Amino acid sequence: MERVRTNVERVIEGKPEVVSSALVVLLAEGHLLIEDVPGVGKTMLSKALARS
């Protein structure tokens, strides 16, 4: 889990709580709704998680 977190945080900087929440949901096999303004990295977060 730490290796995945470190890898994702290389792409998503300054939002460790969002990365942690996404990892918890991924490990729990749940669903995550990411709501935020455009241009803050929601798509990059999902792509980084998928590639990691």
N, C-alpha and C. Protein backbone atom coordinates (compact mmCIF):
# COMPACT_ATOMS: atom_id res chain seq x y z
N MET A 1 0.82 -1.19 0.00
CA MET A 1 0.00 0.00 0.00
C MET A 1 0.87 1.26 0.00
N GLU A 2 1.96 1.22 0.74
CA GLU A 2 2.85 2.39 0.78
C GLU A 2 3.49 2.66 -0.58
N ARG A 3 3.83 1.59 -1.29
CA ARG A 3 4.43 1.78 -2.62
C ARG A 3 3.44 2.40 -3.58
N VAL A 4 2.20 1.98 -3.52
CA VAL A 4 1.17 2.56 -4.39
C VAL A 4 0.94 4.02 -4.00
N ARG A 5 0.84 4.30 -2.69
CA ARG A 5 0.63 5.68 -2.23
C ARG A 5 1.76 6.59 -2.70
N THR A 6 2.99 6.12 -2.55
CA THR A 6 4.14 6.92 -2.96
C THR A 6 4.11 7.18 -4.46
N ASN A 7 3.75 6.17 -5.23
CA ASN A 7 3.70 6.32 -6.67
C ASN A 7 2.61 7.31 -7.08
N VAL A 8 1.44 7.23 -6.46
CA VAL A 8 0.34 8.13 -6.81
C VAL A 8 0.67 9.56 -6.36
N GLU A 9 1.31 9.71 -5.22
CA GLU A 9 1.64 11.04 -4.72
C GLU A 9 2.72 11.74 -5.55
N ARG A 10 3.39 11.00 -6.42
CA ARG A 10 4.31 11.65 -7.36
C ARG A 10 3.52 12.47 -8.38
N VAL A 11 2.32 12.01 -8.69
CA VAL A 11 1.47 12.69 -9.68
C VAL A 11 0.55 13.70 -9.01
N ILE A 12 -0.07 13.30 -7.92
CA ILE A 12 -1.02 14.14 -7.21
C ILE A 12 -0.31 14.75 -6.01
N GLU A 13 0.09 16.00 -6.12
CA GLU A 13 0.84 16.65 -5.06
C GLU A 13 -0.09 17.52 -4.21
N GLY A 14 0.12 17.49 -2.90
CA GLY A 14 -0.60 18.37 -2.00
C GLY A 14 -1.97 17.89 -1.57
N LYS A 15 -2.33 16.65 -1.88
CA LYS A 15 -3.63 16.12 -1.48
C LYS A 15 -3.47 14.71 -0.91
N PRO A 16 -2.74 14.56 0.18
CA PRO A 16 -2.52 13.22 0.73
C PRO A 16 -3.79 12.58 1.26
N GLU A 17 -4.74 13.38 1.77
CA GLU A 17 -5.97 12.81 2.30
C GLU A 17 -6.85 12.24 1.20
N VAL A 18 -6.81 12.84 0.02
CA VAL A 18 -7.58 12.33 -1.12
C VAL A 18 -6.98 11.02 -1.61
N VAL A 19 -5.66 10.96 -1.66
CA VAL A 19 -4.98 9.74 -2.08
C VAL A 19 -5.26 8.61 -1.09
N SER A 20 -5.20 8.91 0.20
CA SER A 20 -5.48 7.90 1.22
C SER A 20 -6.91 7.39 1.12
N SER A 21 -7.86 8.30 0.94
CA SER A 21 -9.26 7.90 0.80
C SER A 21 -9.46 7.01 -0.42
N ALA A 22 -8.84 7.36 -1.51
CA ALA A 22 -8.97 6.57 -2.73
C ALA A 22 -8.38 5.17 -2.54
N LEU A 23 -7.27 5.07 -1.83
CA LEU A 23 -6.67 3.76 -1.58
C LEU A 23 -7.53 2.90 -0.66
N VAL A 24 -8.13 3.52 0.35
CA VAL A 24 -9.00 2.78 1.26
C VAL A 24 -10.20 2.22 0.50
N VAL A 25 -10.79 3.05 -0.35
CA VAL A 25 -11.95 2.61 -1.14
C VAL A 25 -11.54 1.49 -2.10
N LEU A 26 -10.37 1.63 -2.70
CA LEU A 26 -9.88 0.60 -3.62
C LEU A 26 -9.69 -0.74 -2.91
N LEU A 27 -9.07 -0.71 -1.74
CA LEU A 27 -8.82 -1.94 -0.99
C LEU A 27 -10.12 -2.54 -0.45
N ALA A 28 -11.11 -1.70 -0.16
CA ALA A 28 -12.39 -2.19 0.36
C ALA A 28 -13.33 -2.60 -0.77
N GLU A 29 -12.86 -2.46 -2.01
CA GLU A 29 -13.66 -2.78 -3.19
C GLU A 29 -14.97 -2.01 -3.22
N GLY A 30 -14.89 -0.73 -2.87
CA GLY A 30 -16.07 0.11 -2.83
C GLY A 30 -16.11 1.07 -4.00
N HIS A 31 -16.91 2.11 -3.85
CA HIS A 31 -17.07 3.13 -4.88
C HIS A 31 -16.66 4.48 -4.31
N LEU A 32 -16.11 5.32 -5.15
CA LEU A 32 -15.64 6.64 -4.73
C LEU A 32 -16.17 7.68 -5.69
N LEU A 33 -16.84 8.69 -5.15
CA LEU A 33 -17.30 9.81 -5.95
C LEU A 33 -16.40 10.99 -5.64
N ILE A 34 -15.70 11.47 -6.66
CA ILE A 34 -14.78 12.59 -6.47
C ILE A 34 -15.43 13.83 -7.05
N GLU A 35 -15.78 14.77 -6.17
CA GLU A 35 -16.38 16.03 -6.61
C GLU A 35 -15.41 17.15 -6.29
N ASP A 36 -15.13 17.97 -7.27
CA ASP A 36 -14.24 19.12 -7.09
C ASP A 36 -14.37 20.00 -8.33
N VAL A 37 -13.76 21.14 -8.29
CA VAL A 37 -13.79 22.05 -9.43
C VAL A 37 -12.94 21.48 -10.55
N PRO A 38 -13.17 21.91 -11.78
CA PRO A 38 -12.37 21.41 -12.91
C PRO A 38 -10.90 21.78 -12.76
N GLY A 39 -10.05 20.86 -13.19
CA GLY A 39 -8.63 21.16 -13.27
C GLY A 39 -7.83 20.87 -12.02
N VAL A 40 -8.35 20.06 -11.10
CA VAL A 40 -7.60 19.79 -9.87
C VAL A 40 -7.00 18.39 -9.83
N GLY A 41 -7.20 17.58 -10.88
CA GLY A 41 -6.52 16.31 -10.98
C GLY A 41 -7.35 15.07 -10.68
N LYS A 42 -8.64 15.16 -10.82
CA LYS A 42 -9.48 13.99 -10.56
C LYS A 42 -9.18 12.86 -11.54
N THR A 43 -9.05 13.19 -12.80
CA THR A 43 -8.74 12.18 -13.81
C THR A 43 -7.32 11.65 -13.62
N MET A 44 -6.40 12.52 -13.29
CA MET A 44 -5.02 12.08 -13.06
C MET A 44 -4.94 11.15 -11.87
N LEU A 45 -5.74 11.39 -10.83
CA LEU A 45 -5.77 10.52 -9.68
C LEU A 45 -6.24 9.12 -10.07
N SER A 46 -7.32 9.06 -10.83
CA SER A 46 -7.84 7.74 -11.22
C SER A 46 -6.86 7.01 -12.15
N LYS A 47 -6.23 7.73 -13.05
CA LYS A 47 -5.25 7.10 -13.94
C LYS A 47 -4.02 6.63 -13.19
N ALA A 48 -3.56 7.43 -12.24
CA ALA A 48 -2.39 7.04 -11.45
C ALA A 48 -2.69 5.81 -10.60
N LEU A 49 -3.89 5.73 -10.04
CA LEU A 49 -4.27 4.55 -9.27
C LEU A 49 -4.35 3.31 -10.17
N ALA A 50 -4.92 3.48 -11.33
CA ALA A 50 -5.05 2.35 -12.26
C ALA A 50 -3.69 1.85 -12.71
N ARG A 51 -2.77 2.74 -12.99
CA ARG A 51 -1.44 2.34 -13.45
C ARG A 51 -0.58 1.77 -12.34
N SER A 52 -0.84 2.22 -11.12
CA SER A 52 -0.05 1.74 -9.99
C SER A 52 -0.46 0.35 -9.59
